[in-house]
Amino acid sequence: MSGRGEHVCGAGGLEVRASAVHGRGVFALRGFRAGDLVELCPVLVLPAADRPPVDGTLLYEYYFNWEGGAVGIALGYGTLYNHAAEPLARYRKDFAASALHITAVADIPAGTEITVDYTDGGINRLWFTPRT
């Protein structure tokens, strides 16, 4: 951890630190090429019946809608990628494996914040107003 508290944690070519986009974000410690798997995140799947109590907590801002109305909580850095309308990576839900694949859609130089499009190409609605 840095003396200024900027570096939260890092592993596998990624680190989490303070972000100009929003709070914390995921940054590349090494370069990634378009098409590279950036991270494979295991997902804890909570049944649809657990959704209402989860919606009343901070986790509401971090989970992924999962099949059958379930809630998917991505482990690793999966919930910490910030949103961008023109992202550097995309996520793909793997329901069978209970996993989230984060894949580069553009070359990502070391030191760059890795963003994803939470709308998943317009499929989902944003639950917040993006910063400009």
Protein backbone atom coordinates (compact mmCIF):
# COMPACT_ATOMS: atom_id res chain seq x y z
CA MET A 1 0.00 0.00 0.00
CA SER A 2 1.35 3.41 -0.89
CA GLY A 3 1.90 6.05 1.72
CA ARG A 4 -0.90 8.19 0.27
CA GLY A 5 -3.45 5.37 0.44
CA GLU A 6 -3.98 5.36 -3.34
CA HIS A 7 -3.12 1.71 -3.91
CA VAL A 8 -5.72 -0.61 -2.47
CA CYS A 9 -4.63 -4.02 -3.78
CA GLY A 10 -3.17 -5.64 -6.87
CA ALA A 11 -2.74 -9.04 -8.49
CA GLY A 12 -2.59 -10.67 -11.91
CA GLY A 13 -1.60 -7.56 -13.85
CA LEU A 14 -4.36 -5.46 -12.24
CA GLU A 15 -4.64 -3.13 -9.29
CA VAL A 16 -7.41 -1.23 -7.59
CA ARG A 17 -6.75 2.38 -6.68
CA ALA A 18 -8.37 5.80 -6.55
CA SER A 19 -10.13 6.70 -9.79
CA ALA A 20 -10.99 10.03 -11.38
CA VAL A 21 -14.07 8.32 -12.86
CA HIS A 22 -15.63 7.30 -9.54
CA GLY A 23 -14.19 6.32 -6.17
CA ARG A 24 -12.03 3.29 -6.89
CA GLY A 25 -11.30 1.66 -10.21
CA VAL A 26 -9.35 -1.20 -11.79
CA PHE A 27 -6.06 -0.26 -13.48
CA ALA A 28 -3.75 -2.24 -15.75
CA LEU A 29 -0.31 -2.98 -14.27
CA ARG A 30 0.73 -4.33 -17.67
CA GLY A 31 -0.50 -3.82 -21.20
CA PHE A 32 -3.42 -5.82 -22.60
CA ARG A 33 -4.23 -6.25 -26.29
CA ALA A 34 -7.73 -6.18 -27.72
CA GLY A 35 -9.21 -9.66 -27.26
CA ASP A 36 -7.10 -10.50 -24.17
CA LEU A 37 -8.88 -11.90 -21.14
CA VAL A 38 -8.29 -9.26 -18.48
CA GLU A 39 -9.92 -11.13 -15.61
CA LEU A 40 -12.08 -14.18 -15.00
CA CYS A 41 -14.22 -13.44 -11.95
CA PRO A 42 -16.04 -16.15 -10.02
CA VAL A 43 -19.62 -15.10 -9.24
CA LEU A 44 -21.62 -15.78 -6.09
CA VAL A 45 -25.19 -16.30 -7.21
CA LEU A 46 -27.95 -15.39 -4.79
CA PRO A 47 -31.45 -16.67 -5.60
CA ALA A 48 -34.13 -14.25 -6.78
CA ALA A 49 -35.84 -14.52 -3.37
CA ASP A 50 -32.79 -12.85 -1.81
CA ARG A 51 -32.93 -9.88 -4.17
CA PRO A 52 -35.29 -7.60 -2.14
CA PRO A 53 -33.13 -7.54 1.01
CA VAL A 54 -29.96 -7.11 -1.07
CA ASP A 55 -31.57 -4.20 -2.94
CA GLY A 56 -31.79 -2.35 0.37
CA THR A 57 -28.03 -2.50 0.91
CA LEU A 58 -24.90 -1.02 -0.65
CA LEU A 59 -24.55 -4.26 -2.66
CA TYR A 60 -27.37 -2.99 -4.91
CA GLU A 61 -24.83 -0.77 -6.67
CA TYR A 62 -22.39 -3.63 -7.24
CA TYR A 63 -24.28 -6.74 -8.29
CA PHE A 64 -25.07 -8.04 -11.77
CA ASN A 65 -28.52 -9.15 -12.84
CA TRP A 66 -28.28 -12.90 -13.24
CA GLU A 67 -30.49 -15.44 -14.96
CA GLY A 68 -33.87 -16.23 -13.45
CA GLY A 69 -33.96 -12.95 -11.52
CA ALA A 70 -30.99 -14.00 -9.39
CA VAL A 71 -28.26 -11.65 -8.19
CA GLY A 72 -24.64 -12.19 -9.27
CA ILE A 73 -21.89 -10.81 -7.04
CA ALA A 74 -18.62 -10.91 -8.95
CA LEU A 75 -15.54 -11.66 -6.89
CA GLY A 76 -12.00 -10.62 -7.75
CA TYR A 77 -12.20 -7.05 -9.07
CA GLY A 78 -15.41 -7.71 -11.00
CA THR A 79 -17.59 -5.20 -9.18
CA LEU A 80 -14.97 -2.43 -9.22
CA TYR A 81 -14.69 -1.73 -12.97
CA ASN A 82 -16.12 1.73 -13.62
CA HIS A 83 -18.60 2.50 -16.38
CA ALA A 84 -17.74 4.29 -19.63
CA ALA A 85 -19.85 4.78 -22.74
CA GLU A 86 -16.71 3.98 -24.76
CA PRO A 87 -15.12 1.27 -22.62
CA LEU A 88 -11.76 -0.45 -22.91
CA ALA A 89 -13.22 -3.83 -21.91
CA ARG A 90 -16.51 -5.67 -21.91
CA TYR A 91 -18.00 -8.19 -19.56
CA ARG A 92 -19.67 -11.43 -20.48
CA LYS A 93 -21.83 -13.35 -18.05
CA ASP A 94 -21.14 -17.09 -18.04
CA PHE A 95 -24.21 -18.47 -16.31
CA ALA A 96 -23.15 -22.13 -16.59
CA ALA A 97 -19.80 -21.49 -14.89
CA SER A 98 -21.06 -18.77 -12.50
CA ALA A 99 -18.36 -16.46 -13.81
CA LEU A 100 -17.84 -13.06 -15.37
CA HIS A 101 -15.32 -12.71 -18.20
CA ILE A 102 -13.69 -9.27 -18.54
CA THR A 103 -12.13 -8.98 -22.03
CA ALA A 104 -10.23 -6.07 -23.59
CA VAL A 105 -12.02 -4.51 -26.58
CA ALA A 106 -9.09 -2.19 -27.30
CA ASP A 107 -5.40 -2.15 -26.50
CA ILE A 108 -4.96 -1.08 -22.87
CA PRO A 109 -1.58 0.41 -21.92
CA ALA A 110 -0.11 -0.19 -18.46
CA GLY A 111 -1.31 2.42 -15.98
CA THR A 112 -4.69 2.92 -17.67
CA GLU A 113 -8.02 2.53 -15.90
CA ILE A 114 -10.01 -0.34 -17.39
CA THR A 115 -13.66 0.54 -17.91
CA VAL A 116 -16.70 -1.43 -19.06
CA ASP A 117 -20.11 -0.43 -20.41
CA TYR A 118 -22.66 -1.36 -17.75
CA THR A 119 -25.43 -1.11 -20.33
CA ASP A 120 -23.83 -4.10 -22.07
CA GLY A 121 -24.39 -2.54 -25.48
CA GLY A 122 -27.75 -1.04 -24.54
CA ILE A 123 -29.29 -4.19 -23.05
CA ASN A 124 -29.32 -2.82 -19.48
CA ARG A 125 -30.40 0.56 -18.13
CA LEU A 126 -28.02 2.55 -15.96
CA TRP A 127 -29.19 3.07 -12.38
CA PHE A 128 -27.02 6.19 -11.99
CA THR A 129 -26.13 9.32 -13.91
CA PRO A 130 -22.64 8.93 -15.41
CA ARG A 131 -20.09 11.63 -14.73
CA THR A 132 -19.00 13.53 -17.80
